[in-house]
Amino acid sequence: MVHMDGSVGEEDAGTATLELELDLRERLRIDPQALQDEFVACPANIAYLGARHGCALRDHLRAKIRSKKTRALLAVQWRQDILDTNGKVTDAQVEQAVDRDPRWVDVAHAEVDAEVAAVTTKTDVAAMLAKKDMLVQLGATDRAEMERDPVVRRDRADSRRTREG
């Protein structure tokens, strides 16, 4: 199961990613035969994708904090280990040891993954906003075309006369 924040339950991550991609494609597709339905669904889709982006952004910021904390803790550990082993230590030795530490590599990769997710969800929101703009333009175009249609003009005039009295 795919949750709103894009995380997955027990399912395979690849399957979940495919489900999210297919869901996004469906949300971004415009059905020209159902423009009214598209107009109605658009705000909900923007809200949903905005919430997903918010979750991804939160995860990214948390990963950055975790990254900084882990790097600082590892630097202290490595500084002491190198000092205990060699009797002296340089900043370059500490940096090199931290950079090679698998704990740091894992945290750094998690931060990169979180940043990619945040950027991806941001572009999803931008795409949905573009769809909204296209729907507005399509609606304006349809109204303009109907204004030139003599049948529509006659029906509107009859409706006005009926209301007036």
C-alpha atoms as a PDB file:
ATOM      1  CA  MET A   1       0.000   0.000   0.000  1.00  0.00           C
ATOM      2  CA  VAL A   2       1.229   3.490  -0.862  1.00  0.00           C
ATOM      3  CA  HIS A   3       0.667   6.130   1.837  1.00  0.00           C
ATOM      4  CA  MET A   4       0.121   9.839   1.187  1.00  0.00           C
ATOM      5  CA  ASP A   5       3.753  10.600   2.019  1.00  0.00           C
ATOM      6  CA  GLY A   6       4.900   8.133  -0.643  1.00  0.00           C
ATOM      7  CA  SER A   7       6.118   5.550   1.860  1.00  0.00           C
ATOM      8  CA  VAL A   8       5.223   1.932   1.352  1.00  0.00           C
ATOM      9  CA  GLY A   9       3.941  -0.736   3.670  1.00  0.00           C
ATOM     10  CA  GLU A  10       4.939  -4.308   3.069  1.00  0.00           C
ATOM     11  CA  GLU A  11       4.910  -4.010  -0.691  1.00  0.00           C
ATOM     12  CA  ASP A  12       7.944  -3.965  -2.886  1.00  0.00           C
ATOM     13  CA  ALA A  13       9.251  -0.421  -3.330  1.00  0.00           C
ATOM     14  CA  GLY A  14       9.444  -0.845  -7.130  1.00  0.00           C
ATOM     15  CA  THR A  15       5.774  -1.770  -7.330  1.00  0.00           C
ATOM     16  CA  ALA A  16       4.860   1.179  -5.119  1.00  0.00           C
ATOM     17  CA  THR A  17       6.862   3.552  -7.308  1.00  0.00           C
ATOM     18  CA  LEU A  18       5.068   2.243 -10.394  1.00  0.00           C
ATOM     19  CA  GLU A  19       1.697   2.695  -8.668  1.00  0.00           C
ATOM     20  CA  LEU A  20       2.570   6.285  -7.763  1.00  0.00           C
ATOM     21  CA  GLU A  21       3.697   7.005 -11.319  1.00  0.00           C
ATOM     22  CA  LEU A  22       0.506   5.565 -12.806  1.00  0.00           C
ATOM     23  CA  ASP A  23      -1.607   7.482 -10.275  1.00  0.00           C
ATOM     24  CA  LEU A  24       0.188  10.722 -11.155  1.00  0.00           C
ATOM     25  CA  ARG A  25      -0.284  10.153 -14.884  1.00  0.00           C
ATOM     26  CA  GLU A  26      -4.005   9.608 -14.338  1.00  0.00           C
ATOM     27  CA  ARG A  27      -4.284  12.781 -12.249  1.00  0.00           C
ATOM     28  CA  LEU A  28      -2.435  14.840 -14.883  1.00  0.00           C
ATOM     29  CA  ARG A  29      -4.349  13.509 -17.886  1.00  0.00           C
ATOM     30  CA  ILE A  30      -7.086  15.748 -19.284  1.00  0.00           C
ATOM     31  CA  ASP A  31     -10.225  14.047 -20.546  1.00  0.00           C
ATOM     32  CA  PRO A  32     -11.630  16.485 -23.123  1.00  0.00           C
ATOM     33  CA  GLN A  33     -15.051  14.814 -22.868  1.00  0.00           C
ATOM     34  CA  ALA A  34     -15.259  15.450 -19.113  1.00  0.00           C
ATOM     35  CA  LEU A  35     -13.906  18.965 -18.587  1.00  0.00           C
ATOM     36  CA  GLN A  36     -16.422  19.699 -15.828  1.00  0.00           C
ATOM     37  CA  ASP A  37     -15.233  16.634 -13.900  1.00  0.00           C
ATOM     38  CA  GLU A  38     -11.645  17.718 -14.474  1.00  0.00           C
ATOM     39  CA  PHE A  39     -12.405  21.190 -13.061  1.00  0.00           C
ATOM     40  CA  VAL A  40     -14.005  19.625  -9.982  1.00  0.00           C
ATOM     41  CA  ALA A  41     -11.141  17.157  -9.372  1.00  0.00           C
ATOM     42  CA  CYS A  42      -8.306  19.627  -9.943  1.00  0.00           C
ATOM     43  CA  PRO A  43      -8.300  21.378  -6.520  1.00  0.00           C
ATOM     44  CA  ALA A  44      -8.345  18.023  -4.709  1.00  0.00           C
ATOM     45  CA  ASN A  45      -5.480  16.777  -6.848  1.00  0.00           C
ATOM     46  CA  ILE A  46      -3.465  19.931  -6.161  1.00  0.00           C
ATOM     47  CA  ALA A  47      -4.108  19.517  -2.426  1.00  0.00           C
ATOM     48  CA  TYR A  48      -3.135  15.836  -2.513  1.00  0.00           C
ATOM     49  CA  LEU A  49       0.084  16.446  -4.427  1.00  0.00           C
ATOM     50  CA  GLY A  50       0.869  19.474  -2.254  1.00  0.00           C
ATOM     51  CA  ALA A  51       0.506  17.309   0.856  1.00  0.00           C
ATOM     52  CA  ARG A  52       2.806  14.687  -0.664  1.00  0.00           C
ATOM     53  CA  HIS A  53       5.335  17.428  -1.391  1.00  0.00           C
ATOM     54  CA  GLY A  54       5.038  18.678   2.170  1.00  0.00           C
ATOM     55  CA  CYS A  55       5.763  15.198   3.518  1.00  0.00           C
ATOM     56  CA  ALA A  56       8.723  14.788   1.173  1.00  0.00           C
ATOM     57  CA  LEU A  57      10.099  18.191   2.114  1.00  0.00           C
ATOM     58  CA  ARG A  58       9.761  17.371   5.814  1.00  0.00           C
ATOM     59  CA  ASP A  59      11.585  14.076   5.265  1.00  0.00           C
ATOM     60  CA  HIS A  60      14.337  15.895   3.383  1.00  0.00           C
ATOM     61  CA  LEU A  61      14.828  18.464   6.130  1.00  0.00           C
ATOM     62  CA  ARG A  62      14.889  15.723   8.756  1.00  0.00           C
ATOM     63  CA  ALA A  63      17.449  13.807   6.702  1.00  0.00           C
ATOM     64  CA  LYS A  64      19.628  16.937   6.542  1.00  0.00           C
ATOM     65  CA  ILE A  65      19.485  17.269  10.329  1.00  0.00           C
ATOM     66  CA  ARG A  66      20.271  13.560  10.757  1.00  0.00           C
ATOM     67  CA  SER A  67      23.149  13.950   8.336  1.00  0.00           C
ATOM     68  CA  LYS A  68      24.692  16.872  10.228  1.00  0.00           C
ATOM     69  CA  LYS A  69      24.284  15.162  13.591  1.00  0.00           C
ATOM     70  CA  THR A  70      25.741  11.882  12.346  1.00  0.00           C
ATOM     71  CA  ARG A  71      28.712  13.597  10.743  1.00  0.00           C
ATOM     72  CA  ALA A  72      29.445  15.544  13.947  1.00  0.00           C
ATOM     73  CA  LEU A  73      29.188  12.448  16.151  1.00  0.00           C
ATOM     74  CA  LEU A  74      31.362  10.406  13.816  1.00  0.00           C
ATOM     75  CA  ALA A  75      33.953  13.188  13.702  1.00  0.00           C
ATOM     76  CA  VAL A  76      34.192  13.157  17.501  1.00  0.00           C
ATOM     77  CA  GLN A  77      34.475   9.354  17.538  1.00  0.00           C
ATOM     78  CA  TRP A  78      37.077   9.221  14.804  1.00  0.00           C
ATOM     79  CA  ARG A  79      39.094  12.060  16.295  1.00  0.00           C
ATOM     80  CA  GLN A  80      39.341  10.169  19.581  1.00  0.00           C
ATOM     81  CA  ASP A  81      40.115   6.831  17.862  1.00  0.00           C
ATOM     82  CA  ILE A  82      42.886   8.346  15.748  1.00  0.00           C
ATOM     83  CA  LEU A  83      44.258  10.241  18.754  1.00  0.00           C
ATOM     84  CA  ASP A  84      44.295   7.044  20.831  1.00  0.00           C
ATOM     85  CA  THR A  85      46.042   5.148  18.019  1.00  0.00           C
ATOM     86  CA  ASN A  86      48.567   7.717  16.763  1.00  0.00           C
ATOM     87  CA  GLY A  87      48.895  10.162  19.628  1.00  0.00           C
ATOM     88  CA  LYS A  88      48.148  13.032  17.262  1.00  0.00           C
ATOM     89  CA  VAL A  89      45.383  13.843  14.809  1.00  0.00           C
ATOM     90  CA  THR A  90      44.696  16.286  11.978  1.00  0.00           C
ATOM     91  CA  ASP A  91      41.395  17.566  10.663  1.00  0.00           C
ATOM     92  CA  ALA A  92      42.155  15.964   7.297  1.00  0.00           C
ATOM     93  CA  GLN A  93      42.554  12.535   8.938  1.00  0.00           C
ATOM     94  CA  VAL A  94      39.236  12.936  10.724  1.00  0.00           C
ATOM     95  CA  GLU A  95      37.436  14.075   7.544  1.00  0.00           C
ATOM     96  CA  GLN A  96      38.868  11.177   5.571  1.00  0.00           C
ATOM     97  CA  ALA A  97      37.861   8.647   8.234  1.00  0.00           C
ATOM     98  CA  VAL A  98      34.320  10.044   8.443  1.00  0.00           C
ATOM     99  CA  ASP A  99      33.949  10.088   4.645  1.00  0.00           C
ATOM    100  CA  ARG A 100      34.801   6.376   4.483  1.00  0.00           C
ATOM    101  CA  ASP A 101      32.645   5.359   7.448  1.00  0.00           C
ATOM    102  CA  PRO A 102      29.711   3.197   6.239  1.00  0.00           C
ATOM    103  CA  ARG A 103      27.398   4.851   8.771  1.00  0.00           C
ATOM    104  CA  TRP A 104      28.099   8.230   7.167  1.00  0.00           C
ATOM    105  CA  VAL A 105      27.708   6.858   3.648  1.00  0.00           C
ATOM    106  CA  ASP A 106      24.288   5.405   4.533  1.00  0.00           C
ATOM    107  CA  VAL A 107      23.085   8.677   6.064  1.00  0.00           C
ATOM    108  CA  ALA A 108      24.426  10.708   3.135  1.00  0.00           C
ATOM    109  CA  HIS A 109      22.647   8.432   0.642  1.00  0.00           C
ATOM    110  CA  ALA A 110      19.412   8.739   2.624  1.00  0.00           C
ATOM    111  CA  GLU A 111      19.724  12.524   2.461  1.00  0.00           C
ATOM    112  CA  VAL A 112      20.209  12.409  -1.305  1.00  0.00           C
ATOM    113  CA  ASP A 113      17.175  10.132  -1.698  1.00  0.00           C
ATOM    114  CA  ALA A 114      15.068  12.473   0.433  1.00  0.00           C
ATOM    115  CA  GLU A 115      16.164  15.489  -1.613  1.00  0.00           C
ATOM    116  CA  VAL A 116      15.313  13.714  -4.866  1.00  0.00           C
ATOM    117  CA  ALA A 117      11.857  12.859  -3.494  1.00  0.00           C
ATOM    118  CA  ALA A 118      11.288  16.494  -2.460  1.00  0.00           C
ATOM    119  CA  VAL A 119      12.290  17.810  -5.885  1.00  0.00           C
ATOM    120  CA  THR A 120      10.188  15.178  -7.652  1.00  0.00           C
ATOM    121  CA  THR A 121       7.062  15.972  -5.664  1.00  0.00           C
ATOM    122  CA  LYS A 122       7.629  19.688  -6.254  1.00  0.00           C
ATOM    123  CA  THR A 123       7.594  19.078 -10.018  1.00  0.00           C
ATOM    124  CA  ASP A 124       4.434  16.970  -9.596  1.00  0.00           C
ATOM    125  CA  VAL A 125       2.703  19.955  -7.991  1.00  0.00           C
ATOM    126  CA  ALA A 126       3.991  22.240 -10.760  1.00  0.00           C
ATOM    127  CA  ALA A 127       2.594  19.853 -13.380  1.00  0.00           C
ATOM    128  CA  MET A 128      -0.810  19.826 -11.683  1.00  0.00           C
ATOM    129  CA  LEU A 129      -0.831  23.636 -11.548  1.00  0.00           C
ATOM    130  CA  ALA A 130      -0.023  23.653 -15.266  1.00  0.00           C
ATOM    131  CA  LYS A 131      -2.980  21.318 -15.824  1.00  0.00           C
ATOM    132  CA  LYS A 132      -5.207  23.752 -13.898  1.00  0.00           C
ATOM    133  CA  ASP A 133      -4.025  26.599 -16.122  1.00  0.00           C
ATOM    134  CA  MET A 134      -4.725  24.519 -19.233  1.00  0.00           C
ATOM    135  CA  LEU A 135      -8.218  23.696 -17.974  1.00  0.00           C
ATOM    136  CA  VAL A 136      -8.920  27.391 -17.372  1.00  0.00           C
ATOM    137  CA  GLN A 137      -7.714  28.192 -20.898  1.00  0.00           C
ATOM    138  CA  LEU A 138      -9.807  25.366 -22.389  1.00  0.00           C
ATOM    139  CA  GLY A 139     -12.870  26.674 -20.531  1.00  0.00           C
ATOM    140  CA  ALA A 140     -12.274  30.198 -21.812  1.00  0.00           C
ATOM    141  CA  THR A 141     -11.809  28.917 -25.351  1.00  0.00           C
ATOM    142  CA  ASP A 142     -15.009  26.869 -25.157  1.00  0.00           C
ATOM    143  CA  ARG A 143     -16.965  29.871 -23.837  1.00  0.00           C
ATOM    144  CA  ALA A 144     -15.610  32.075 -26.609  1.00  0.00           C
ATOM    145  CA  GLU A 145     -16.583  29.514 -29.235  1.00  0.00           C
ATOM    146  CA  MET A 146     -20.060  29.188 -27.761  1.00  0.00           C
ATOM    147  CA  GLU A 147     -20.491  32.969 -27.842  1.00  0.00           C
ATOM    148  CA  ARG A 148     -20.113  32.813 -31.625  1.00  0.00           C
ATOM    149  CA  ASP A 149     -22.602  29.920 -31.961  1.00  0.00           C
ATOM    150  CA  PRO A 150     -25.964  31.323 -33.127  1.00  0.00           C
ATOM    151  CA  VAL A 151     -27.942  28.580 -31.359  1.00  0.00           C
ATOM    152  CA  VAL A 152     -26.262  29.378 -28.030  1.00  0.00           C
ATOM    153  CA  ARG A 153     -26.822  33.105 -28.539  1.00  0.00           C
ATOM    154  CA  ARG A 154     -30.521  32.534 -29.329  1.00  0.00           C
ATOM    155  CA  ASP A 155     -30.961  30.271 -26.255  1.00  0.00           C
ATOM    156  CA  ARG A 156     -29.313  32.865 -23.999  1.00  0.00           C
ATOM    157  CA  ALA A 157     -31.468  35.644 -25.437  1.00  0.00           C
ATOM    158  CA  ASP A 158     -34.621  33.525 -24.869  1.00  0.00           C
ATOM    159  CA  SER A 159     -33.493  32.833 -21.315  1.00  0.00           C
ATOM    160  CA  ARG A 160     -32.906  36.556 -20.680  1.00  0.00           C
ATOM    161  CA  ARG A 161     -36.319  37.472 -22.049  1.00  0.00           C
ATOM    162  CA  THR A 162     -37.955  34.847 -19.884  1.00  0.00           C
ATOM    163  CA  ARG A 163     -36.239  36.177 -16.747  1.00  0.00           C
ATOM    164  CA  GLU A 164     -37.042  39.783 -17.560  1.00  0.00           C
ATOM    165  CA  GLY A 165     -40.518  39.036 -17.985  1.00  0.00           C
END
